[in-house]
Amino acid sequence: MTLQEIKKAVDEGKVVHCGNSLYEVINGGKAGYLIRCTSNDHCIGLTWQDGVTMNGEEEDFYINNSKLKK
């Protein structure tokens, strides 16, 4: 998924994972888009400080269609 596709999916309430189901992309408000580890709530930015380079490869991101955020 591209950066824009990821952001759009998260904003639409879809659950986007990075690598595996343990890592979920969230909209952290003022903090921006984050990759959150669901086991310990540790977060890193979806992108580097340049706002373009993602922390992960495009092919690592996927939508979990069996789960929607409430």
Protein backbone atom coordinates (compact mmCIF):
# COMPACT_ATOMS: atom_id res chain seq x y z
CA MET A 1 0.00 0.00 0.00
CA THR A 2 1.18 3.51 -0.68
CA LEU A 3 1.37 6.15 2.04
CA GLN A 4 -1.79 7.84 0.74
CA GLU A 5 -3.67 4.52 0.58
CA ILE A 6 -2.70 3.75 4.17
CA LYS A 7 -3.81 7.14 5.48
CA LYS A 8 -7.09 6.98 3.57
CA ALA A 9 -7.88 3.48 4.84
CA VAL A 10 -7.14 4.44 8.46
CA ASP A 11 -9.29 7.56 8.15
CA GLU A 12 -12.12 5.41 6.76
CA GLY A 13 -12.01 3.25 9.89
CA LYS A 14 -10.24 0.29 8.31
CA VAL A 15 -7.64 -1.64 10.29
CA VAL A 16 -4.25 -1.43 8.60
CA HIS A 17 -1.40 -3.64 9.76
CA CYS A 18 2.33 -3.46 9.11
CA GLY A 19 4.10 -6.78 8.71
CA ASN A 20 1.73 -8.76 10.91
CA SER A 21 -1.37 -8.32 13.06
CA LEU A 22 0.72 -7.19 16.05
CA TYR A 23 1.44 -3.81 14.42
CA GLU A 24 -1.48 -1.52 13.62
CA VAL A 25 -1.45 1.88 11.93
CA ILE A 26 -3.37 4.55 13.84
CA ASN A 27 -4.07 8.25 13.43
CA GLY A 28 -2.43 9.79 16.48
CA GLY A 29 -3.95 13.24 15.93
CA LYS A 30 -1.29 15.90 16.45
CA ALA A 31 1.35 13.14 16.62
CA GLY A 32 0.43 12.10 13.08
CA TYR A 33 0.03 8.58 11.76
CA LEU A 34 1.73 5.97 13.92
CA ILE A 35 2.54 2.27 13.85
CA ARG A 36 1.43 0.92 17.23
CA CYS A 37 2.46 -2.40 18.72
CA THR A 38 -0.76 -3.83 20.16
CA SER A 39 1.06 -5.90 22.80
CA ASN A 40 2.78 -3.00 24.59
CA ASP A 41 1.36 0.22 23.02
CA HIS A 42 4.82 1.31 21.81
CA CYS A 43 4.51 3.59 18.77
CA ILE A 44 6.77 4.80 15.99
CA GLY A 45 5.90 7.23 13.23
CA LEU A 46 4.42 5.85 10.05
CA THR A 47 7.04 7.96 8.28
CA TRP A 48 10.42 9.42 9.06
CA GLN A 49 10.54 13.11 9.92
CA ASP A 50 10.53 13.95 6.21
CA GLY A 51 6.88 12.85 6.12
CA VAL A 52 7.51 10.76 3.01
CA THR A 53 9.84 7.84 3.83
CA MET A 54 7.80 5.10 5.45
CA ASN A 55 8.93 2.93 8.34
CA GLY A 56 8.30 -0.22 6.33
CA GLU A 57 7.98 -1.25 2.73
CA GLU A 58 4.75 -0.67 0.80
CA GLU A 59 4.23 -4.43 0.50
CA ASP A 60 4.36 -4.81 4.32
CA PHE A 61 1.10 -2.91 4.82
CA TYR A 62 -2.31 -4.53 4.44
CA ILE A 63 -5.93 -4.04 5.44
CA ASN A 64 -7.49 -6.52 7.83
CA ASN A 65 -10.89 -6.90 6.16
CA SER A 66 -12.25 -9.07 8.96
CA LYS A 67 -12.01 -6.24 11.48
CA LEU A 68 -13.33 -2.67 11.42
CA LYS A 69 -12.72 -0.02 14.06
CA LYS A 70 -15.70 1.17 16.04
